[in-house]
Amino acid sequence: MSTICADGAVSGAPQTGTISKHHGMAAGLKGFFRRVLVWTVAREEKRLSRLALSELTDDQLADIGVTHSEARREAARPYWR
C-alpha cells in the first residue's frame, strides 16, 4: 500500500512506464492464450466432424456426395491437417 509523504509525493507508487509495460505484457499473454484456445477449439471441431463422417452409412454419404473411400481417407487424416 502506498503512503503519502508530507511534501505530497506518493511513496511506493509504481513508475508510469512500469504500468504501461506490464499492461502491454498482459495484453500480449492474453492474445497468445486466446490464439492457443482458438487453435485448440478448431482442431477439436475438425476431429469431431471427421469422427462423425466416419460413422455415416453409405446411403448418408451418397446424400452428401461423398464416396466411402473418400470419407475413410478424410477420417484417417490427423487432426492438425
C-alpha atoms as a PDB file:
ATOM      1  CA  MET A   1       0.000   0.000   0.000  1.00  0.00           C
ATOM      2  CA  SER A   2       1.286   3.495  -0.814  1.00  0.00           C
ATOM      3  CA  THR A   3       1.816   6.212   1.725  1.00  0.00           C
ATOM      4  CA  ILE A   4       1.645   9.965   1.224  1.00  0.00           C
ATOM      5  CA  CYS A   5       4.674  11.962   2.347  1.00  0.00           C
ATOM      6  CA  ALA A   6       4.427  15.439   3.847  1.00  0.00           C
ATOM      7  CA  ASP A   7       5.670  17.013   0.614  1.00  0.00           C
ATOM      8  CA  GLY A   8       2.778  15.458  -1.367  1.00  0.00           C
ATOM      9  CA  ALA A   9       4.832  12.740  -3.045  1.00  0.00           C
ATOM     10  CA  VAL A  10       3.457   9.217  -3.026  1.00  0.00           C
ATOM     11  CA  SER A  11       5.892   6.660  -1.713  1.00  0.00           C
ATOM     12  CA  GLY A  12       5.669   3.111  -3.084  1.00  0.00           C
ATOM     13  CA  ALA A  13       3.718   4.100  -6.207  1.00  0.00           C
ATOM     14  CA  PRO A  14       4.851   2.383  -9.397  1.00  0.00           C
ATOM     15  CA  GLN A  15       6.506   4.413 -12.103  1.00  0.00           C
ATOM     16  CA  THR A  16       4.314   5.395 -15.041  1.00  0.00           C
ATOM     17  CA  GLY A  17       6.398   3.434 -17.562  1.00  0.00           C
ATOM     18  CA  THR A  18       6.110   0.301 -15.455  1.00  0.00           C
ATOM     19  CA  ILE A  19       2.321   0.304 -15.636  1.00  0.00           C
ATOM     20  CA  SER A  20       2.349   0.520 -19.433  1.00  0.00           C
ATOM     21  CA  LYS A  21       4.972  -2.201 -19.692  1.00  0.00           C
ATOM     22  CA  HIS A  22       3.007  -4.616 -17.511  1.00  0.00           C
ATOM     23  CA  HIS A  23      -0.245  -3.807 -19.301  1.00  0.00           C
ATOM     24  CA  GLY A  24       1.402  -4.481 -22.663  1.00  0.00           C
ATOM     25  CA  MET A  25       2.830  -7.794 -21.477  1.00  0.00           C
ATOM     26  CA  ALA A  26      -0.521  -8.859 -20.006  1.00  0.00           C
ATOM     27  CA  ALA A  27      -2.270  -7.974 -23.262  1.00  0.00           C
ATOM     28  CA  GLY A  28       0.328  -9.969 -25.200  1.00  0.00           C
ATOM     29  CA  LEU A  29      -0.157 -13.011 -22.978  1.00  0.00           C
ATOM     30  CA  LYS A  30      -3.924 -12.668 -23.224  1.00  0.00           C
ATOM     31  CA  GLY A  31      -3.661 -12.579 -27.026  1.00  0.00           C
ATOM     32  CA  PHE A  32      -1.349 -15.596 -27.029  1.00  0.00           C
ATOM     33  CA  PHE A  33      -3.668 -17.677 -24.846  1.00  0.00           C
ATOM     34  CA  ARG A  34      -6.649 -16.607 -26.949  1.00  0.00           C
ATOM     35  CA  ARG A  35      -4.891 -17.822 -30.118  1.00  0.00           C
ATOM     36  CA  VAL A  36      -3.997 -21.122 -28.433  1.00  0.00           C
ATOM     37  CA  LEU A  37      -7.609 -21.567 -27.329  1.00  0.00           C
ATOM     38  CA  VAL A  38      -8.974 -20.750 -30.799  1.00  0.00           C
ATOM     39  CA  TRP A  39      -6.499 -23.205 -32.389  1.00  0.00           C
ATOM     40  CA  THR A  40      -7.425 -25.939 -29.881  1.00  0.00           C
ATOM     41  CA  VAL A  41     -11.169 -25.469 -30.386  1.00  0.00           C
ATOM     42  CA  ALA A  42     -10.789 -25.511 -34.178  1.00  0.00           C
ATOM     43  CA  ARG A  43      -8.783 -28.747 -34.050  1.00  0.00           C
ATOM     44  CA  GLU A  44     -11.347 -30.380 -31.743  1.00  0.00           C
ATOM     45  CA  GLU A  45     -14.195 -29.379 -34.076  1.00  0.00           C
ATOM     46  CA  LYS A  46     -12.298 -30.853 -37.020  1.00  0.00           C
ATOM     47  CA  ARG A  47     -11.617 -34.077 -35.084  1.00  0.00           C
ATOM     48  CA  LEU A  48     -15.276 -34.442 -34.117  1.00  0.00           C
ATOM     49  CA  SER A  49     -16.513 -33.764 -37.655  1.00  0.00           C
ATOM     50  CA  ARG A  50     -14.150 -36.398 -39.048  1.00  0.00           C
ATOM     51  CA  LEU A  51     -15.330 -38.857 -36.405  1.00  0.00           C
ATOM     52  CA  ALA A  52     -18.946 -38.173 -37.398  1.00  0.00           C
ATOM     53  CA  LEU A  53     -18.042 -38.584 -41.074  1.00  0.00           C
ATOM     54  CA  SER A  54     -16.517 -41.989 -40.358  1.00  0.00           C
ATOM     55  CA  GLU A  55     -19.776 -43.130 -38.739  1.00  0.00           C
ATOM     56  CA  LEU A  56     -22.060 -42.257 -41.670  1.00  0.00           C
ATOM     57  CA  THR A  57     -23.680 -45.052 -43.663  1.00  0.00           C
ATOM     58  CA  ASP A  58     -23.142 -45.439 -47.410  1.00  0.00           C
ATOM     59  CA  ASP A  59     -26.636 -44.003 -48.049  1.00  0.00           C
ATOM     60  CA  GLN A  60     -25.890 -40.940 -45.917  1.00  0.00           C
ATOM     61  CA  LEU A  61     -22.549 -40.470 -47.675  1.00  0.00           C
ATOM     62  CA  ALA A  62     -24.297 -40.692 -51.058  1.00  0.00           C
ATOM     63  CA  ASP A  63     -26.713 -37.962 -49.902  1.00  0.00           C
ATOM     64  CA  ILE A  64     -23.816 -35.559 -49.347  1.00  0.00           C
ATOM     65  CA  GLY A  65     -21.955 -36.674 -52.460  1.00  0.00           C
ATOM     66  CA  VAL A  66     -19.023 -38.422 -50.789  1.00  0.00           C
ATOM     67  CA  THR A  67     -17.850 -41.952 -51.512  1.00  0.00           C
ATOM     68  CA  HIS A  68     -16.993 -44.443 -48.785  1.00  0.00           C
ATOM     69  CA  SER A  69     -13.286 -44.349 -49.687  1.00  0.00           C
ATOM     70  CA  GLU A  70     -13.213 -40.509 -49.642  1.00  0.00           C
ATOM     71  CA  ALA A  71     -14.860 -40.481 -46.215  1.00  0.00           C
ATOM     72  CA  ARG A  72     -12.456 -43.106 -44.863  1.00  0.00           C
ATOM     73  CA  ARG A  73      -9.448 -41.176 -46.227  1.00  0.00           C
ATOM     74  CA  GLU A  74     -10.672 -37.886 -44.707  1.00  0.00           C
ATOM     75  CA  ALA A  75     -11.461 -39.512 -41.345  1.00  0.00           C
ATOM     76  CA  ALA A  76      -7.944 -41.018 -41.211  1.00  0.00           C
ATOM     77  CA  ARG A  77      -6.217 -37.634 -41.564  1.00  0.00           C
ATOM     78  CA  PRO A  78      -4.573 -36.265 -38.405  1.00  0.00           C
ATOM     79  CA  TYR A  79      -6.460 -33.516 -36.581  1.00  0.00           C
ATOM     80  CA  TRP A  80      -3.784 -30.869 -37.230  1.00  0.00           C
ATOM     81  CA  ARG A  81      -4.260 -31.016 -41.004  1.00  0.00           C
END
